């Protein structure tokens, strides 16, 4: 299993009409984070009740030039991120 030092989560609601299926601003934000060395790579997937609306991979796993690129088949170790995401989601639903 490959690990990404910083994992970026983008939670978007396409049913609310956010971005109107134009993800250029999200692409620019993630690409900017990579350019500014905030993280070496990311994977974004947006979906709704009908399925996947948008999927894109960015950058590499590390800052090393020979590092493998992030692909849609990559697996990530979420570690402690689960606590934050699960708790925040549960509180928002309450």
PDB file of N, CA and C in Angstrom:
ATOM      1  N   UNK A   1       0.834  -1.168   0.000  1.00  0.00           N
ATOM      2  CA  UNK A   1       0.000   0.000   0.000  1.00  0.00           C
ATOM      3  C   UNK A   1       0.890   1.246   0.000  1.00  0.00           C
ATOM      4  N   UNK A   2       0.631   2.181  -0.899  1.00  0.00           N
ATOM      5  CA  UNK A   2       1.378   3.427  -0.962  1.00  0.00           C
ATOM      6  C   UNK A   2       0.773   4.431   0.008  1.00  0.00           C
ATOM      7  N   UNK A   3       1.611   5.321   0.503  1.00  0.00           N
ATOM      8  CA  UNK A   3       1.137   6.335   1.429  1.00  0.00           C
ATOM      9  C   UNK A   3       1.441   7.720   0.876  1.00  0.00           C
ATOM     10  N   UNK A   4       0.532   8.635   1.070  1.00  0.00           N
ATOM     11  CA  UNK A   4       0.709  10.020   0.677  1.00  0.00           C
ATOM     12  C   UNK A   4       0.861  10.839   1.943  1.00  0.00           C
ATOM     13  N   UNK A   5       1.948  11.619   2.079  1.00  0.00           N
ATOM     14  CA  UNK A   5       2.176  12.375   3.313  1.00  0.00           C
ATOM     15  C   UNK A   5       1.017  13.278   3.709  1.00  0.00           C
ATOM     16  N   UNK A   6       0.435  13.944   2.774  1.00  0.00           N
ATOM     17  CA  UNK A   6      -0.704  14.807   3.074  1.00  0.00           C
ATOM     18  C   UNK A   6      -1.815  14.423   2.121  1.00  0.00           C
ATOM     19  N   UNK A   7      -2.962  14.111   2.667  1.00  0.00           N
ATOM     20  CA  UNK A   7      -4.097  13.720   1.852  1.00  0.00           C
ATOM     21  C   UNK A   7      -5.114  14.841   1.865  1.00  0.00           C
ATOM     22  N   UNK A   8      -5.529  15.282   0.724  1.00  0.00           N
ATOM     23  CA  UNK A   8      -6.458  16.394   0.615  1.00  0.00           C
ATOM     24  C   UNK A   8      -7.855  15.854   0.349  1.00  0.00           C
ATOM     25  N   UNK A   9      -8.782  16.247   1.199  1.00  0.00           N
ATOM     26  CA  UNK A   9     -10.170  15.863   1.008  1.00  0.00           C
ATOM     27  C   UNK A   9     -10.959  17.062   0.546  1.00  0.00           C
ATOM     28  N   UNK A  10     -11.688  16.907  -0.509  1.00  0.00           N
ATOM     29  CA  UNK A  10     -12.589  17.956  -0.975  1.00  0.00           C
ATOM     30  C   UNK A  10     -13.992  17.374  -0.946  1.00  0.00           C
ATOM     31  N   UNK A  11     -14.812  17.877  -0.049  1.00  0.00           N
ATOM     32  CA  UNK A  11     -16.182  17.403   0.045  1.00  0.00           C
ATOM     33  C   UNK A  11     -17.070  18.424  -0.645  1.00  0.00           C
ATOM     34  N   UNK A  12     -17.644  18.031  -1.749  1.00  0.00           N
ATOM     35  CA  UNK A  12     -18.441  18.938  -2.552  1.00  0.00           C
ATOM     36  C   UNK A  12     -19.841  18.381  -2.732  1.00  0.00           C
ATOM     37  N   UNK A  13     -20.797  19.252  -2.805  1.00  0.00           N
ATOM     38  CA  UNK A  13     -22.171  18.825  -3.025  1.00  0.00           C
ATOM     39  C   UNK A  13     -22.595  19.222  -4.429  1.00  0.00           C
ATOM     40  N   UNK A  14     -22.568  18.288  -5.339  1.00  0.00           N
ATOM     41  CA  UNK A  14     -22.957  18.609  -6.713  1.00  0.00           C
ATOM     42  C   UNK A  14     -24.466  18.757  -6.827  1.00  0.00           C
ATOM     43  N   UNK A  15     -25.214  18.117  -5.925  1.00  0.00           N
ATOM     44  CA  UNK A  15     -26.664  18.244  -5.994  1.00  0.00           C
ATOM     45  C   UNK A  15     -27.111  19.649  -5.612  1.00  0.00           C
ATOM     46  N   UNK A  16     -26.272  20.377  -4.860  1.00  0.00           N
ATOM     47  CA  UNK A  16     -26.599  21.751  -4.482  1.00  0.00           C
ATOM     48  C   UNK A  16     -26.202  22.730  -5.575  1.00  0.00           C
ATOM     49  N   UNK A  17     -25.612  22.231  -6.651  1.00  0.00           N
ATOM     50  CA  UNK A  17     -25.247  23.082  -7.766  1.00  0.00           C
ATOM     51  C   UNK A  17     -23.915  23.780  -7.587  1.00  0.00           C
ATOM     52  N   UNK A  18     -23.136  23.402  -6.597  1.00  0.00           N
ATOM     53  CA  UNK A  18     -21.840  24.023  -6.417  1.00  0.00           C
ATOM     54  C   UNK A  18     -20.956  23.705  -7.607  1.00  0.00           C
ATOM     55  N   UNK A  19     -20.309  24.723  -8.132  1.00  0.00           N
ATOM     56  CA  UNK A  19     -19.384  24.613  -9.249  1.00  0.00           C
ATOM     57  C   UNK A  19     -20.079  24.232 -10.559  1.00  0.00           C
ATOM     58  N   UNK A  20     -21.338  23.894 -10.536  1.00  0.00           N
ATOM     59  CA  UNK A  20     -22.102  23.565 -11.744  1.00  0.00           C
ATOM     60  C   UNK A  20     -21.323  22.624 -12.664  1.00  0.00           C
ATOM     61  N   UNK A  21     -20.700  21.605 -12.082  1.00  0.00           N
ATOM     62  CA  UNK A  21     -19.913  20.607 -12.793  1.00  0.00           C
ATOM     63  C   UNK A  21     -18.691  21.189 -13.496  1.00  0.00           C
ATOM     64  N   UNK A  22     -18.289  22.394 -13.140  1.00  0.00           N
ATOM     65  CA  UNK A  22     -17.051  22.984 -13.640  1.00  0.00           C
ATOM     66  C   UNK A  22     -16.058  22.965 -12.480  1.00  0.00           C
ATOM     67  N   UNK A  23     -15.081  22.097 -12.578  1.00  0.00           N
ATOM     68  CA  UNK A  23     -14.145  21.899 -11.483  1.00  0.00           C
ATOM     69  C   UNK A  23     -12.808  22.592 -11.722  1.00  0.00           C
ATOM     70  N   UNK A  24     -12.790  23.579 -12.601  1.00  0.00           N
ATOM     71  CA  UNK A  24     -11.550  24.297 -12.910  1.00  0.00           C
ATOM     72  C   UNK A  24     -10.983  24.971 -11.667  1.00  0.00           C
ATOM     73  N   UNK A  25     -11.842  25.558 -10.839  1.00  0.00           N
ATOM     74  CA  UNK A  25     -11.364  26.237  -9.626  1.00  0.00           C
ATOM     75  C   UNK A  25     -10.756  25.234  -8.643  1.00  0.00           C
ATOM     76  N   UNK A  26     -11.370  24.063  -8.530  1.00  0.00           N
ATOM     77  CA  UNK A  26     -10.835  23.020  -7.658  1.00  0.00           C
ATOM     78  C   UNK A  26      -9.491  22.532  -8.207  1.00  0.00           C
ATOM     79  N   UNK A  27      -9.425  22.302  -9.509  1.00  0.00           N
ATOM     80  CA  UNK A  27      -8.165  21.892 -10.139  1.00  0.00           C
ATOM     81  C   UNK A  27      -7.062  22.911  -9.870  1.00  0.00           C
ATOM     82  N   UNK A  28      -7.387  24.198 -10.007  1.00  0.00           N
ATOM     83  CA  UNK A  28      -6.402  25.253  -9.769  1.00  0.00           C
ATOM     84  C   UNK A  28      -5.951  25.279  -8.312  1.00  0.00           C
ATOM     85  N   UNK A  29      -6.868  25.073  -7.383  1.00  0.00           N
ATOM     86  CA  UNK A  29      -6.528  25.072  -5.962  1.00  0.00           C
ATOM     87  C   UNK A  29      -5.586  23.920  -5.627  1.00  0.00           C
ATOM     88  N   UNK A  30      -5.907  22.738  -6.115  1.00  0.00           N
ATOM     89  CA  UNK A  30      -5.061  21.575  -5.845  1.00  0.00           C
ATOM     90  C   UNK A  30      -3.708  21.725  -6.530  1.00  0.00           C
ATOM     91  N   UNK A  31      -3.701  22.162  -7.775  1.00  0.00           N
ATOM     92  CA  UNK A  31      -2.434  22.369  -8.489  1.00  0.00           C
ATOM     93  C   UNK A  31      -1.585  23.432  -7.800  1.00  0.00           C
ATOM     94  N   UNK A  32      -2.233  24.471  -7.270  1.00  0.00           N
ATOM     95  CA  UNK A  32      -1.518  25.502  -6.522  1.00  0.00           C
ATOM     96  C   UNK A  32      -0.891  24.953  -5.261  1.00  0.00           C
ATOM     97  N   UNK A  33      -1.595  24.068  -4.580  1.00  0.00           N
ATOM     98  CA  UNK A  33      -1.045  23.431  -3.381  1.00  0.00           C
ATOM     99  C   UNK A  33       0.186  22.607  -3.703  1.00  0.00           C
ATOM    100  N   UNK A  34       0.151  21.919  -4.819  1.00  0.00           N
ATOM    101  CA  UNK A  34       1.321  21.139  -5.248  1.00  0.00           C
ATOM    102  C   UNK A  34       2.469  22.077  -5.615  1.00  0.00           C
ATOM    103  N   UNK A  35       2.168  23.137  -6.363  1.00  0.00           N
ATOM    104  CA  UNK A  35       3.204  24.099  -6.762  1.00  0.00           C
ATOM    105  C   UNK A  35       3.853  24.785  -5.561  1.00  0.00           C
ATOM    106  N   UNK A  36       3.058  25.029  -4.507  1.00  0.00           N
ATOM    107  CA  UNK A  36       3.559  25.688  -3.295  1.00  0.00           C
ATOM    108  C   UNK A  36       4.136  24.704  -2.285  1.00  0.00           C
ATOM    109  N   UNK A  37       4.269  23.447  -2.674  1.00  0.00           N
ATOM    110  CA  UNK A  37       4.840  22.387  -1.833  1.00  0.00           C
ATOM    111  C   UNK A  37       4.060  22.170  -0.538  1.00  0.00           C
ATOM    112  N   UNK A  38       2.743  22.390  -0.590  1.00  0.00           N
ATOM    113  CA  UNK A  38       1.898  22.077   0.565  1.00  0.00           C
ATOM    114  C   UNK A  38       1.687  20.565   0.661  1.00  0.00           C
ATOM    115  N   UNK A  39       1.689  19.899  -0.477  1.00  0.00           N
ATOM    116  CA  UNK A  39       1.576  18.445  -0.558  1.00  0.00           C
ATOM    117  C   UNK A  39       2.078  18.036  -1.938  1.00  0.00           C
ATOM    118  N   UNK A  40       2.599  16.808  -2.074  1.00  0.00           N
ATOM    119  CA  UNK A  40       3.173  16.391  -3.355  1.00  0.00           C
ATOM    120  C   UNK A  40       2.148  15.916  -4.393  1.00  0.00           C
ATOM    121  N   UNK A  41       0.983  15.488  -3.946  1.00  0.00           N
ATOM    122  CA  UNK A  41      -0.017  14.978  -4.872  1.00  0.00           C
ATOM    123  C   UNK A  41      -1.357  14.827  -4.193  1.00  0.00           C
ATOM    124  N   UNK A  42      -2.375  14.564  -4.978  1.00  0.00           N
ATOM    125  CA  UNK A  42      -3.728  14.423  -4.430  1.00  0.00           C
ATOM    126  C   UNK A  42      -4.585  13.625  -5.396  1.00  0.00           C
ATOM    127  N   UNK A  43      -5.693  13.170  -4.878  1.00  0.00           N
ATOM    128  CA  UNK A  43      -6.677  12.469  -5.694  1.00  0.00           C
ATOM    129  C   UNK A  43      -8.039  13.026  -5.319  1.00  0.00           C
ATOM    130  N   UNK A  44      -8.831  13.397  -6.308  1.00  0.00           N
ATOM    131  CA  UNK A  44     -10.148  13.982  -6.086  1.00  0.00           C
ATOM    132  C   UNK A  44     -11.196  13.129  -6.771  1.00  0.00           C
ATOM    133  N   UNK A  45     -12.260  12.850  -6.049  1.00  0.00           N
ATOM    134  CA  UNK A  45     -13.397  12.157  -6.649  1.00  0.00           C
ATOM    135  C   UNK A  45     -14.663  12.801  -6.096  1.00  0.00           C
ATOM    136  N   UNK A  46     -15.548  13.177  -6.993  1.00  0.00           N
ATOM    137  CA  UNK A  46     -16.802  13.824  -6.621  1.00  0.00           C
ATOM    138  C   UNK A  46     -17.932  12.988  -7.186  1.00  0.00           C
ATOM    139  N   UNK A  47     -18.916  12.744  -6.350  1.00  0.00           N
ATOM    140  CA  UNK A  47     -20.041  11.948  -6.811  1.00  0.00           C
ATOM    141  C   UNK A  47     -21.351  12.406  -6.208  1.00  0.00           C
ATOM    142  N   UNK A  48     -22.401  11.873  -6.730  1.00  0.00           N
ATOM    143  CA  UNK A  48     -23.728  12.103  -6.184  1.00  0.00           C
ATOM    144  C   UNK A  48     -24.506  10.796  -6.264  1.00  0.00           C
ATOM    145  N   UNK A  49     -25.796  10.875  -6.086  1.00  0.00           N
ATOM    146  CA  UNK A  49     -26.600   9.647  -6.072  1.00  0.00           C
ATOM    147  C   UNK A  49     -26.574   8.913  -7.415  1.00  0.00           C
ATOM    148  N   UNK A  50     -26.172   9.588  -8.480  1.00  0.00           N
ATOM    149  CA  UNK A  50     -26.107   8.963  -9.804  1.00  0.00           C
ATOM    150  C   UNK A  50     -24.759   8.332 -10.108  1.00  0.00           C
ATOM    151  N   UNK A  51     -23.759   8.565  -9.256  1.00  0.00           N
ATOM    152  CA  UNK A  51     -22.444   7.992  -9.479  1.00  0.00           C
ATOM    153  C   UNK A  51     -21.346   9.040  -9.474  1.00  0.00           C
ATOM    154  N   UNK A  52     -20.226   8.709 -10.094  1.00  0.00           N
ATOM    155  CA  UNK A  52     -19.070   9.598 -10.134  1.00  0.00           C
ATOM    156  C   UNK A  52     -19.320  10.711 -11.145  1.00  0.00           C
ATOM    157  N   UNK A  53     -19.140  11.954 -10.675  1.00  0.00           N
ATOM    158  CA  UNK A  53     -19.331  13.129 -11.516  1.00  0.00           C
ATOM    159  C   UNK A  53     -17.991  13.625 -12.059  1.00  0.00           C
ATOM    160  N   UNK A  54     -16.940  13.525 -11.226  1.00  0.00           N
ATOM    161  CA  UNK A  54     -15.625  14.038 -11.614  1.00  0.00           C
ATOM    162  C   UNK A  54     -14.556  13.272 -10.863  1.00  0.00           C
ATOM    163  N   UNK A  55     -13.496  12.914 -11.557  1.00  0.00           N
ATOM    164  CA  UNK A  55     -12.385  12.191 -10.939  1.00  0.00           C
ATOM    165  C   UNK A  55     -11.085  12.658 -11.582  1.00  0.00           C
ATOM    166  N   UNK A  56     -10.114  13.012 -10.748  1.00  0.00           N
ATOM    167  CA  UNK A  56      -8.830  13.461 -11.285  1.00  0.00           C
ATOM    168  C   UNK A  56      -7.728  13.201 -10.271  1.00  0.00           C
ATOM    169  N   UNK A  57      -6.545  12.890 -10.780  1.00  0.00           N
ATOM    170  CA  UNK A  57      -5.361  12.667  -9.949  1.00  0.00           C
ATOM    171  C   UNK A  57      -4.328  13.733 -10.273  1.00  0.00           C
ATOM    172  N   UNK A  58      -3.569  14.121  -9.256  1.00  0.00           N
ATOM    173  CA  UNK A  58      -2.605  15.206  -9.393  1.00  0.00           C
ATOM    174  C   UNK A  58      -1.280  14.809  -8.764  1.00  0.00           C
ATOM    175  N   UNK A  59      -0.174  15.192  -9.359  1.00  0.00           N
ATOM    176  CA  UNK A  59       1.143  15.087  -8.755  1.00  0.00           C
ATOM    177  C   UNK A  59       1.650  13.686  -8.492  1.00  0.00           C
ATOM    178  N   UNK A  60       2.589  13.606  -7.538  1.00  0.00           N
ATOM    179  CA  UNK A  60       3.264  12.357  -7.191  1.00  0.00           C
ATOM    180  C   UNK A  60       3.115  12.061  -5.700  1.00  0.00           C
ATOM    181  N   UNK A  61       3.632  10.898  -5.283  1.00  0.00           N
ATOM    182  CA  UNK A  61       3.525  10.506  -3.882  1.00  0.00           C
ATOM    183  C   UNK A  61       4.501  11.231  -2.969  1.00  0.00           C
ATOM    184  N   UNK A  62       5.635  11.602  -3.496  1.00  0.00           N
ATOM    185  CA  UNK A  62       6.612  12.348  -2.712  1.00  0.00           C
ATOM    186  C   UNK A  62       7.172  13.459  -3.588  1.00  0.00           C
ATOM    187  N   UNK A  63       8.031  14.281  -3.002  1.00  0.00           N
ATOM    188  CA  UNK A  63       8.649  15.372  -3.754  1.00  0.00           C
ATOM    189  C   UNK A  63       9.828  14.912  -4.601  1.00  0.00           C
ATOM    190  N   UNK A  64      10.246  13.669  -4.457  1.00  0.00           N
ATOM    191  CA  UNK A  64      11.352  13.115  -5.238  1.00  0.00           C
ATOM    192  C   UNK A  64      10.933  13.043  -6.707  1.00  0.00           C
ATOM    193  N   UNK A  65      11.815  13.468  -7.599  1.00  0.00           N
ATOM    194  CA  UNK A  65      11.495  13.480  -9.031  1.00  0.00           C
ATOM    195  C   UNK A  65      11.182  12.093  -9.587  1.00  0.00           C
ATOM    196  N   UNK A  66      11.734  11.050  -8.983  1.00  0.00           N
ATOM    197  CA  UNK A  66      11.483   9.690  -9.470  1.00  0.00           C
ATOM    198  C   UNK A  66      10.277   9.046  -8.784  1.00  0.00           C
ATOM    199  N   UNK A  67       9.551   9.804  -7.984  1.00  0.00           N
ATOM    200  CA  UNK A  67       8.384   9.286  -7.262  1.00  0.00           C
ATOM    201  C   UNK A  67       7.272   8.903  -8.230  1.00  0.00           C
ATOM    202  N   UNK A  68       6.540   7.876  -7.855  1.00  0.00           N
ATOM    203  CA  UNK A  68       5.422   7.407  -8.683  1.00  0.00           C
ATOM    204  C   UNK A  68       4.296   8.440  -8.693  1.00  0.00           C
ATOM    205  N   UNK A  69       3.642   8.589  -9.843  1.00  0.00           N
ATOM    206  CA  UNK A  69       2.512   9.518  -9.905  1.00  0.00           C
ATOM    207  C   UNK A  69       1.286   8.953  -9.190  1.00  0.00           C
ATOM    208  N   UNK A  70       0.431   9.829  -8.721  1.00  0.00           N
ATOM    209  CA  UNK A  70      -0.836   9.420  -8.127  1.00  0.00           C
ATOM    210  C   UNK A  70      -1.759   9.011  -9.275  1.00  0.00           C
ATOM    211  N   UNK A  71      -2.346   7.823  -9.172  1.00  0.00           N
ATOM    212  CA  UNK A  71      -3.285   7.336 -10.189  1.00  0.00           C
ATOM    213  C   UNK A  71      -4.595   6.955  -9.521  1.00  0.00           C
ATOM    214  N   UNK A  72      -5.615   6.709 -10.315  1.00  0.00           N
ATOM    215  CA  UNK A  72      -6.928   6.382  -9.744  1.00  0.00           C
ATOM    216  C   UNK A  72      -6.940   5.013  -9.059  1.00  0.00           C
ATOM    217  N   UNK A  73      -5.947   4.188  -9.297  1.00  0.00           N
ATOM    218  CA  UNK A  73      -5.892   2.867  -8.680  1.00  0.00           C
ATOM    219  C   UNK A  73      -5.076   2.843  -7.386  1.00  0.00           C
ATOM    220  N   UNK A  74      -4.546   3.987  -6.975  1.00  0.00           N
ATOM    221  CA  UNK A  74      -3.719   4.055  -5.765  1.00  0.00           C
ATOM    222  C   UNK A  74      -4.574   3.895  -4.506  1.00  0.00           C
ATOM    223  N   UNK A  75      -3.973   3.290  -3.502  1.00  0.00           N
ATOM    224  CA  UNK A  75      -4.630   3.140  -2.203  1.00  0.00           C
ATOM    225  C   UNK A  75      -3.882   4.000  -1.197  1.00  0.00           C
ATOM    226  N   UNK A  76      -4.623   4.565  -0.259  1.00  0.00           N
ATOM    227  CA  UNK A  76      -4.049   5.465   0.734  1.00  0.00           C
ATOM    228  C   UNK A  76      -4.305   4.953   2.143  1.00  0.00           C
ATOM    229  N   UNK A  77      -3.361   5.211   3.015  1.00  0.00           N
ATOM    230  CA  UNK A  77      -3.519   4.916   4.436  1.00  0.00           C
ATOM    231  C   UNK A  77      -4.105   6.169   5.076  1.00  0.00           C
ATOM    232  N   UNK A  78      -5.361   6.106   5.485  1.00  0.00           N
ATOM    233  CA  UNK A  78      -6.021   7.289   6.041  1.00  0.00           C
ATOM    234  C   UNK A  78      -5.678   7.537   7.504  1.00  0.00           C
ATOM    235  N   UNK A  79      -5.224   6.519   8.209  1.00  0.00           N
ATOM    236  CA  UNK A  79      -4.774   6.645   9.602  1.00  0.00           C
ATOM    237  C   UNK A  79      -5.746   7.470  10.433  1.00  0.00           C
ATOM    238  N   UNK A  80      -5.263   8.497  11.084  1.00  0.00           N
ATOM    239  CA  UNK A  80      -6.073   9.285  12.021  1.00  0.00           C
ATOM    240  C   UNK A  80      -7.064  10.217  11.341  1.00  0.00           C
ATOM    241  N   UNK A  81      -7.013  10.347  10.044  1.00  0.00           N
ATOM    242  CA  UNK A  81      -7.946  11.215   9.341  1.00  0.00           C
ATOM    243  C   UNK A  81      -9.381  10.721   9.529  1.00  0.00           C
ATOM    244  N   UNK A  82      -9.551   9.421   9.680  1.00  0.00           N
ATOM    245  CA  UNK A  82     -10.882   8.841   9.848  1.00  0.00           C
ATOM    246  C   UNK A  82     -11.613   9.451  11.036  1.00  0.00           C
ATOM    247  N   UNK A  83     -10.911   9.664  12.143  1.00  0.00           N
ATOM    248  CA  UNK A  83     -11.549  10.243  13.331  1.00  0.00           C
ATOM    249  C   UNK A  83     -12.131  11.618  13.029  1.00  0.00           C
ATOM    250  N   UNK A  84     -11.360  12.442  12.363  1.00  0.00           N
ATOM    251  CA  UNK A  84     -11.801  13.802  12.059  1.00  0.00           C
ATOM    252  C   UNK A  84     -12.961  13.791  11.076  1.00  0.00           C
ATOM    253  N   UNK A  85     -12.834  13.038   9.996  1.00  0.00           N
ATOM    254  CA  UNK A  85     -13.871  13.017   8.970  1.00  0.00           C
ATOM    255  C   UNK A  85     -15.164  12.411   9.511  1.00  0.00           C
ATOM    256  N   UNK A  86     -15.064  11.296  10.205  1.00  0.00           N
ATOM    257  CA  UNK A  86     -16.266  10.636  10.738  1.00  0.00           C
ATOM    258  C   UNK A  86     -16.961  11.504  11.780  1.00  0.00           C
ATOM    259  N   UNK A  87     -16.198  12.105  12.677  1.00  0.00           N
ATOM    260  CA  UNK A  87     -16.781  12.942  13.722  1.00  0.00           C
ATOM    261  C   UNK A  87     -17.432  14.187  13.128  1.00  0.00           C
ATOM    262  N   UNK A  88     -16.741  14.861  12.231  1.00  0.00           N
ATOM    263  CA  UNK A  88     -17.285  16.066  11.607  1.00  0.00           C
ATOM    264  C   UNK A  88     -18.561  15.749  10.833  1.00  0.00           C
ATOM    265  N   UNK A  89     -18.556  14.673  10.063  1.00  0.00           N
ATOM    266  CA  UNK A  89     -19.737  14.285   9.303  1.00  0.00           C
ATOM    267  C   UNK A  89     -20.904  13.967  10.223  1.00  0.00           C
ATOM    268  N   UNK A  90     -20.650  13.221  11.297  1.00  0.00           N
ATOM    269  CA  UNK A  90     -21.713  12.868  12.236  1.00  0.00           C
ATOM    270  C   UNK A  90     -22.302  14.111  12.902  1.00  0.00           C
ATOM    271  N   UNK A  91     -21.462  15.045  13.290  1.00  0.00           N
ATOM    272  CA  UNK A  91     -21.948  16.279  13.936  1.00  0.00           C
ATOM    273  C   UNK A  91     -22.755  17.112  12.938  1.00  0.00           C
ATOM    274  N   UNK A  92     -22.289  17.192  11.698  1.00  0.00           N
ATOM    275  CA  UNK A  92     -23.034  17.959  10.696  1.00  0.00           C
ATOM    276  C   UNK A  92     -24.395  17.338  10.433  1.00  0.00           C
ATOM    277  N   UNK A  93     -24.475  16.020  10.450  1.00  0.00           N
ATOM    278  CA  UNK A  93     -25.771  15.369  10.202  1.00  0.00           C
ATOM    279  C   UNK A  93     -26.724  15.560  11.374  1.00  0.00           C
ATOM    280  N   UNK A  94     -26.190  15.660  12.582  1.00  0.00           N
ATOM    281  CA  UNK A  94     -27.044  15.893  13.749  1.00  0.00           C
ATOM    282  C   UNK A  94     -27.635  17.287  13.695  1.00  0.00           C
TER     283      UNK A  94
END
